[in-house]
Amino acid sequence: MKSNVRAKLETMYIDRATKNVYDAETGEMRKEIDESVKLNSATVWSGEPNPKYKWTKYEWLFLPLSWFILFGGIFWMIALKEVTYLYIFAVLLLLIGIYCIFFRNHHKKKKRMKYSYEITETDITIILTKGRNVKVRQLPLENLKYVGYSLRKNSVGTLYFNFPNNYKDLFTLIFANSGLLKFDEQIFAFFEISDADDLVEQLKARFGDTVIFEKL
């Protein structure tokens, strides 16, 4: 199976001394890359988010929060008759609420299309392509201790690696797939992948009792 990392970097070479990448198309050194990226590791699984599914299990908790922000902004705009700092804050709340309810899913779908995932013999790898930049994040399999996962009836699902650790991570779970800021880049997760149940079974067969698996 061809590595997604190698596929994205096959037209480049890496200067290990400076950790810069040479782009053969532009003739420039244009990107820093972590030396831990193992381009020679064999890929045992690869995939990407399914664009048809925008909502993870915990993200439904984000919906009432969005309406609360929207109506909070409307309430304070009506309550405050004069243009003050609080009125400006109310306008900001209103705009945030409108974005979260009507535009967020479109932004999140575009962002999800920039992600690809793979599991090699040594690492769990998340690749994020932003324009000409390729950001690679890796979690060594030797450090994997816990896999939380949620599945749909059609086998589409989300896998969280070494996360969540406790109930305090519920806040991050709500925002992780919201498309806002960089919450999704703070954790290792494969969002809404097809055949997630098969991947879970593969990981269970590989790690046995050395890794805890929990359905969320």
C-alpha atoms as a PDB file:
ATOM      1  CA  MET A   1       0.000   0.000   0.000  1.00  0.00           C
ATOM      2  CA  LYS A   2       1.419   3.384  -0.968  1.00  0.00           C
ATOM      3  CA  SER A   3       2.054   5.783   1.891  1.00  0.00           C
ATOM      4  CA  ASN A   4       0.066   9.039   1.827  1.00  0.00           C
ATOM      5  CA  VAL A   5       3.120  10.803   3.180  1.00  0.00           C
ATOM      6  CA  ARG A   6       5.351   9.485   0.416  1.00  0.00           C
ATOM      7  CA  ALA A   7       2.683  10.282  -2.194  1.00  0.00           C
ATOM      8  CA  LYS A   8       2.553  13.925  -1.087  1.00  0.00           C
ATOM      9  CA  LEU A   9       6.331  14.277  -0.823  1.00  0.00           C
ATOM     10  CA  GLU A  10       7.454  12.140  -3.760  1.00  0.00           C
ATOM     11  CA  THR A  11       8.375  15.220  -5.831  1.00  0.00           C
ATOM     12  CA  MET A  12      10.600  16.549  -3.033  1.00  0.00           C
ATOM     13  CA  TYR A  13      13.712  15.630  -1.159  1.00  0.00           C
ATOM     14  CA  ILE A  14      14.386  16.253   2.513  1.00  0.00           C
ATOM     15  CA  ASP A  15      17.519  17.933   3.804  1.00  0.00           C
ATOM     16  CA  ARG A  16      17.937  16.127   7.129  1.00  0.00           C
ATOM     17  CA  ALA A  17      20.537  18.640   8.315  1.00  0.00           C
ATOM     18  CA  THR A  18      18.164  21.594   8.137  1.00  0.00           C
ATOM     19  CA  LYS A  19      14.928  19.560   8.180  1.00  0.00           C
ATOM     20  CA  ASN A  20      13.767  21.539   5.153  1.00  0.00           C
ATOM     21  CA  VAL A  21      11.982  20.111   2.124  1.00  0.00           C
ATOM     22  CA  TYR A  22      12.949  20.870  -1.448  1.00  0.00           C
ATOM     23  CA  ASP A  23      10.049  21.229  -3.889  1.00  0.00           C
ATOM     24  CA  ALA A  24      11.173  20.133  -7.332  1.00  0.00           C
ATOM     25  CA  GLU A  25       8.348  22.087  -8.976  1.00  0.00           C
ATOM     26  CA  THR A  26       9.298  25.478  -7.512  1.00  0.00           C
ATOM     27  CA  GLY A  27      12.990  24.832  -6.914  1.00  0.00           C
ATOM     28  CA  GLU A  28      12.759  26.188  -3.372  1.00  0.00           C
ATOM     29  CA  MET A  29      13.284  24.890   0.140  1.00  0.00           C
ATOM     30  CA  ARG A  30       9.852  25.664   1.497  1.00  0.00           C
ATOM     31  CA  LYS A  31       8.891  23.595   4.515  1.00  0.00           C
ATOM     32  CA  GLU A  32      10.210  22.285   7.779  1.00  0.00           C
ATOM     33  CA  ILE A  33       9.443  18.684   8.560  1.00  0.00           C
ATOM     34  CA  ASP A  34       9.957  16.688  11.715  1.00  0.00           C
ATOM     35  CA  GLU A  35      12.735  14.161  11.342  1.00  0.00           C
ATOM     36  CA  SER A  36      10.556  11.557  13.035  1.00  0.00           C
ATOM     37  CA  VAL A  37       8.508  11.180   9.841  1.00  0.00           C
ATOM     38  CA  LYS A  38       9.357   7.663   8.728  1.00  0.00           C
ATOM     39  CA  LEU A  39       8.885   7.713   4.967  1.00  0.00           C
ATOM     40  CA  ASN A  40      10.223   4.183   4.625  1.00  0.00           C
ATOM     41  CA  SER A  41       7.738   2.588   7.022  1.00  0.00           C
ATOM     42  CA  ALA A  42       5.282   0.281   5.299  1.00  0.00           C
ATOM     43  CA  THR A  43       1.659   1.458   5.395  1.00  0.00           C
ATOM     44  CA  VAL A  44      -0.798  -1.119   6.733  1.00  0.00           C
ATOM     45  CA  TRP A  45      -3.915   1.092   6.545  1.00  0.00           C
ATOM     46  CA  SER A  46      -4.838   4.446   4.994  1.00  0.00           C
ATOM     47  CA  GLY A  47      -8.029   6.469   4.718  1.00  0.00           C
ATOM     48  CA  GLU A  48      -9.621   9.886   4.990  1.00  0.00           C
ATOM     49  CA  PRO A  49     -12.727  11.505   6.505  1.00  0.00           C
ATOM     50  CA  ASN A  50     -15.996  10.616   4.806  1.00  0.00           C
ATOM     51  CA  PRO A  51     -17.355  14.001   3.590  1.00  0.00           C
ATOM     52  CA  LYS A  52     -20.970  12.817   3.865  1.00  0.00           C
ATOM     53  CA  TYR A  53     -20.842  12.799   7.648  1.00  0.00           C
ATOM     54  CA  LYS A  54     -20.250  16.075   9.474  1.00  0.00           C
ATOM     55  CA  TRP A  55     -21.347  15.271  13.007  1.00  0.00           C
ATOM     56  CA  THR A  56     -19.606  13.091  15.562  1.00  0.00           C
ATOM     57  CA  LYS A  57     -21.455  11.745  18.588  1.00  0.00           C
ATOM     58  CA  TYR A  58     -20.362  14.432  21.031  1.00  0.00           C
ATOM     59  CA  GLU A  59     -20.636  17.308  18.602  1.00  0.00           C
ATOM     60  CA  TRP A  60     -24.423  17.266  18.977  1.00  0.00           C
ATOM     61  CA  LEU A  61     -23.777  18.981  22.308  1.00  0.00           C
ATOM     62  CA  PHE A  62     -22.315  21.876  20.330  1.00  0.00           C
ATOM     63  CA  LEU A  63     -25.651  22.592  18.605  1.00  0.00           C
ATOM     64  CA  PRO A  64     -27.563  23.932  21.657  1.00  0.00           C
ATOM     65  CA  LEU A  65     -24.471  25.946  22.579  1.00  0.00           C
ATOM     66  CA  SER A  66     -24.557  27.591  19.139  1.00  0.00           C
ATOM     67  CA  TRP A  67     -28.238  28.569  19.537  1.00  0.00           C
ATOM     68  CA  PHE A  68     -27.521  29.854  23.054  1.00  0.00           C
ATOM     69  CA  ILE A  69     -24.782  32.132  21.682  1.00  0.00           C
ATOM     70  CA  LEU A  70     -27.075  33.359  18.884  1.00  0.00           C
ATOM     71  CA  PHE A  71     -30.031  34.169  21.136  1.00  0.00           C
ATOM     72  CA  GLY A  72     -27.683  35.631  23.762  1.00  0.00           C
ATOM     73  CA  GLY A  73     -26.395  38.075  21.166  1.00  0.00           C
ATOM     74  CA  ILE A  74     -29.930  38.994  20.053  1.00  0.00           C
ATOM     75  CA  PHE A  75     -31.081  39.470  23.656  1.00  0.00           C
ATOM     76  CA  TRP A  76     -28.252  41.834  24.591  1.00  0.00           C
ATOM     77  CA  MET A  77     -28.600  43.827  21.369  1.00  0.00           C
ATOM     78  CA  ILE A  78     -32.249  44.464  22.240  1.00  0.00           C
ATOM     79  CA  ALA A  79     -31.558  45.064  25.944  1.00  0.00           C
ATOM     80  CA  LEU A  80     -28.745  47.536  25.352  1.00  0.00           C
ATOM     81  CA  LYS A  81     -30.204  50.677  23.779  1.00  0.00           C
ATOM     82  CA  GLU A  82     -26.934  52.570  23.517  1.00  0.00           C
ATOM     83  CA  VAL A  83     -23.857  51.565  21.544  1.00  0.00           C
ATOM     84  CA  THR A  84     -21.320  50.640  24.217  1.00  0.00           C
ATOM     85  CA  TYR A  85     -18.576  48.074  24.602  1.00  0.00           C
ATOM     86  CA  LEU A  86     -21.199  45.607  25.790  1.00  0.00           C
ATOM     87  CA  TYR A  87     -23.260  46.289  22.664  1.00  0.00           C
ATOM     88  CA  ILE A  88     -20.226  45.551  20.484  1.00  0.00           C
ATOM     89  CA  PHE A  89     -19.746  42.322  22.439  1.00  0.00           C
ATOM     90  CA  ALA A  90     -23.404  41.438  21.781  1.00  0.00           C
ATOM     91  CA  VAL A  91     -22.872  41.983  18.036  1.00  0.00           C
ATOM     92  CA  LEU A  92     -19.850  39.668  18.159  1.00  0.00           C
ATOM     93  CA  LEU A  93     -21.939  37.014  19.910  1.00  0.00           C
ATOM     94  CA  LEU A  94     -24.585  37.349  17.218  1.00  0.00           C
ATOM     95  CA  LEU A  95     -22.033  36.947  14.422  1.00  0.00           C
ATOM     96  CA  ILE A  96     -20.432  33.942  16.129  1.00  0.00           C
ATOM     97  CA  GLY A  97     -23.846  32.329  16.551  1.00  0.00           C
ATOM     98  CA  ILE A  98     -24.747  32.902  12.878  1.00  0.00           C
ATOM     99  CA  TYR A  99     -21.418  31.404  11.790  1.00  0.00           C
ATOM    100  CA  CYS A 100     -21.749  28.355  14.051  1.00  0.00           C
ATOM    101  CA  ILE A 101     -25.284  27.542  12.874  1.00  0.00           C
ATOM    102  CA  PHE A 102     -25.219  28.432   9.179  1.00  0.00           C
ATOM    103  CA  PHE A 103     -21.614  28.457   7.927  1.00  0.00           C
ATOM    104  CA  ARG A 104     -19.553  26.222  10.208  1.00  0.00           C
ATOM    105  CA  ASN A 105     -20.396  22.926   8.520  1.00  0.00           C
ATOM    106  CA  HIS A 106     -19.288  24.246   5.128  1.00  0.00           C
ATOM    107  CA  HIS A 107     -15.968  25.398   6.576  1.00  0.00           C
ATOM    108  CA  LYS A 108     -15.492  22.100   8.399  1.00  0.00           C
ATOM    109  CA  LYS A 109     -16.190  20.066   5.254  1.00  0.00           C
ATOM    110  CA  LYS A 110     -13.533  22.022   3.340  1.00  0.00           C
ATOM    111  CA  LYS A 111     -11.058  21.493   6.168  1.00  0.00           C
ATOM    112  CA  ARG A 112     -11.805  17.772   6.410  1.00  0.00           C
ATOM    113  CA  MET A 113     -10.991  17.377   2.708  1.00  0.00           C
ATOM    114  CA  LYS A 114      -7.431  18.440   3.542  1.00  0.00           C
ATOM    115  CA  TYR A 115      -6.912  15.526   5.953  1.00  0.00           C
ATOM    116  CA  SER A 116      -5.697  12.015   5.268  1.00  0.00           C
ATOM    117  CA  TYR A 117      -4.847   9.269   7.725  1.00  0.00           C
ATOM    118  CA  GLU A 118      -2.614   6.245   7.765  1.00  0.00           C
ATOM    119  CA  ILE A 119      -1.211   3.623  10.088  1.00  0.00           C
ATOM    120  CA  THR A 120       2.275   2.355   9.332  1.00  0.00           C
ATOM    121  CA  GLU A 121       4.237  -0.431  10.973  1.00  0.00           C
ATOM    122  CA  THR A 122       5.564   2.093  13.467  1.00  0.00           C
ATOM    123  CA  ASP A 123       3.204   5.081  13.716  1.00  0.00           C
ATOM    124  CA  ILE A 124      -0.301   6.493  13.590  1.00  0.00           C
ATOM    125  CA  THR A 125      -0.019   9.333  11.075  1.00  0.00           C
ATOM    126  CA  ILE A 126      -2.248  12.346  10.384  1.00  0.00           C
ATOM    127  CA  ILE A 127      -1.495  14.415   7.271  1.00  0.00           C
ATOM    128  CA  LEU A 128      -2.922  17.916   6.865  1.00  0.00           C
ATOM    129  CA  THR A 129      -2.385  19.633   3.510  1.00  0.00           C
ATOM    130  CA  LYS A 130      -2.646  23.432   3.573  1.00  0.00           C
ATOM    131  CA  GLY A 131      -1.870  24.896   0.182  1.00  0.00           C
ATOM    132  CA  ARG A 132       1.743  24.046  -0.512  1.00  0.00           C
ATOM    133  CA  ASN A 133       2.421  23.013   3.077  1.00  0.00           C
ATOM    134  CA  VAL A 134       2.106  19.460   4.337  1.00  0.00           C
ATOM    135  CA  LYS A 135       1.828  19.067   8.112  1.00  0.00           C
ATOM    136  CA  VAL A 136       2.545  15.577   9.410  1.00  0.00           C
ATOM    137  CA  ARG A 137       1.713  14.483  12.967  1.00  0.00           C
ATOM    138  CA  GLN A 138       2.697  11.069  14.255  1.00  0.00           C
ATOM    139  CA  LEU A 139       1.988   8.969  17.329  1.00  0.00           C
ATOM    140  CA  PRO A 140       4.377   6.014  17.765  1.00  0.00           C
ATOM    141  CA  LEU A 141       2.473   2.758  18.130  1.00  0.00           C
ATOM    142  CA  GLU A 142       4.670   1.861  21.074  1.00  0.00           C
ATOM    143  CA  ASN A 143       3.084   4.783  22.964  1.00  0.00           C
ATOM    144  CA  LEU A 144      -0.507   3.735  22.190  1.00  0.00           C
ATOM    145  CA  LYS A 145      -2.324   2.820  25.407  1.00  0.00           C
ATOM    146  CA  TYR A 146      -5.992   3.592  24.777  1.00  0.00           C
ATOM    147  CA  VAL A 147      -8.385   3.750  21.817  1.00  0.00           C
ATOM    148  CA  GLY A 148     -11.827   5.298  22.223  1.00  0.00           C
ATOM    149  CA  TYR A 149     -14.210   4.905  19.314  1.00  0.00           C
ATOM    150  CA  SER A 150     -17.775   5.679  18.245  1.00  0.00           C
ATOM    151  CA  LEU A 151     -19.461   3.830  15.383  1.00  0.00           C
ATOM    152  CA  ARG A 152     -22.509   4.389  13.214  1.00  0.00           C
ATOM    153  CA  LYS A 153     -24.734   1.569  11.960  1.00  0.00           C
ATOM    154  CA  ASN A 154     -23.118   1.835   8.507  1.00  0.00           C
ATOM    155  CA  SER A 155     -19.617   1.257   9.978  1.00  0.00           C
ATOM    156  CA  VAL A 156     -18.575   4.914   9.601  1.00  0.00           C
ATOM    157  CA  GLY A 157     -16.980   6.118  12.814  1.00  0.00           C
ATOM    158  CA  THR A 158     -14.366   8.125  14.691  1.00  0.00           C
ATOM    159  CA  LEU A 159     -11.316   6.767  16.525  1.00  0.00           C
ATOM    160  CA  TYR A 160      -9.585   8.673  19.331  1.00  0.00           C
ATOM    161  CA  PHE A 161      -6.041   7.578  20.191  1.00  0.00           C
ATOM    162  CA  ASN A 162      -4.922   8.017  23.833  1.00  0.00           C
ATOM    163  CA  PHE A 163      -7.990  10.212  24.305  1.00  0.00           C
ATOM    164  CA  PRO A 164     -10.187  10.930  26.224  1.00  0.00           C
ATOM    165  CA  ASN A 165      -8.340  10.385  29.485  1.00  0.00           C
ATOM    166  CA  ASN A 166     -11.100  11.498  31.842  1.00  0.00           C
ATOM    167  CA  TYR A 167     -14.408  13.351  32.004  1.00  0.00           C
ATOM    168  CA  LYS A 168     -12.597  16.698  31.806  1.00  0.00           C
ATOM    169  CA  ASP A 169     -11.875  15.976  28.133  1.00  0.00           C
ATOM    170  CA  LEU A 170     -15.597  16.248  27.344  1.00  0.00           C
ATOM    171  CA  PHE A 171     -15.097  19.947  26.524  1.00  0.00           C
ATOM    172  CA  THR A 172     -12.440  19.077  23.951  1.00  0.00           C
ATOM    173  CA  LEU A 173     -14.633  16.291  22.545  1.00  0.00           C
ATOM    174  CA  ILE A 174     -17.419  18.799  21.897  1.00  0.00           C
ATOM    175  CA  PHE A 175     -15.138  21.204  20.033  1.00  0.00           C
ATOM    176  CA  ALA A 176     -12.718  18.694  18.442  1.00  0.00           C
ATOM    177  CA  ASN A 177     -14.851  18.166  15.341  1.00  0.00           C
ATOM    178  CA  SER A 178     -16.481  21.593  15.343  1.00  0.00           C
ATOM    179  CA  GLY A 179     -14.220  23.052  12.660  1.00  0.00           C
ATOM    180  CA  LEU A 180     -13.399  25.972  14.975  1.00  0.00           C
ATOM    181  CA  LEU A 181      -9.828  27.097  15.577  1.00  0.00           C
ATOM    182  CA  LYS A 182      -7.382  24.200  16.010  1.00  0.00           C
ATOM    183  CA  PHE A 183      -9.167  21.949  18.487  1.00  0.00           C
ATOM    184  CA  ASP A 184      -8.896  19.023  16.068  1.00  0.00           C
ATOM    185  CA  GLU A 185      -5.118  19.447  15.914  1.00  0.00           C
ATOM    186  CA  GLN A 186      -4.772  19.044  19.684  1.00  0.00           C
ATOM    187  CA  ILE A 187      -5.643  15.354  19.694  1.00  0.00           C
ATOM    188  CA  PHE A 188      -4.931  12.263  17.605  1.00  0.00           C
ATOM    189  CA  ALA A 189      -8.214  11.243  16.003  1.00  0.00           C
ATOM    190  CA  PHE A 190      -9.464   9.726  12.757  1.00  0.00           C
ATOM    191  CA  PHE A 191     -12.749  11.573  12.163  1.00  0.00           C
ATOM    192  CA  GLU A 192     -15.665   9.882  10.381  1.00  0.00           C
ATOM    193  CA  ILE A 193     -13.761   7.227   8.431  1.00  0.00           C
ATOM    194  CA  SER A 194     -15.442   4.464   6.444  1.00  0.00           C
ATOM    195  CA  ASP A 195     -15.136   0.872   7.752  1.00  0.00           C
ATOM    196  CA  ALA A 196     -14.108   2.146  11.173  1.00  0.00           C
ATOM    197  CA  ASP A 197     -15.327  -1.099  12.731  1.00  0.00           C
ATOM    198  CA  ASP A 198     -12.882  -3.103  10.600  1.00  0.00           C
ATOM    199  CA  LEU A 199     -10.015  -0.849  11.649  1.00  0.00           C
ATOM    200  CA  VAL A 200     -10.916  -1.277  15.318  1.00  0.00           C
ATOM    201  CA  GLU A 201     -10.896  -5.062  14.906  1.00  0.00           C
ATOM    202  CA  GLN A 202      -7.515  -4.912  13.144  1.00  0.00           C
ATOM    203  CA  LEU A 203      -6.064  -2.878  15.997  1.00  0.00           C
ATOM    204  CA  LYS A 204      -7.550  -5.226  18.604  1.00  0.00           C
ATOM    205  CA  ALA A 205      -6.034  -8.219  16.836  1.00  0.00           C
ATOM    206  CA  ARG A 206      -2.654  -6.508  16.687  1.00  0.00           C
ATOM    207  CA  PHE A 207      -2.400  -5.185  20.242  1.00  0.00           C
ATOM    208  CA  GLY A 208      -4.507  -7.634  22.225  1.00  0.00           C
ATOM    209  CA  ASP A 209      -4.665  -6.781  25.919  1.00  0.00           C
ATOM    210  CA  THR A 210      -1.787  -4.297  25.778  1.00  0.00           C
ATOM    211  CA  VAL A 211      -4.141  -1.513  24.592  1.00  0.00           C
ATOM    212  CA  ILE A 212      -7.510  -0.616  26.137  1.00  0.00           C
ATOM    213  CA  PHE A 213     -10.395  -0.303  23.644  1.00  0.00           C
ATOM    214  CA  GLU A 214     -13.587   1.455  24.696  1.00  0.00           C
ATOM    215  CA  LYS A 215     -16.751   2.234  22.759  1.00  0.00           C
ATOM    216  CA  LEU A 216     -17.812   5.792  23.529  1.00  0.00           C
END
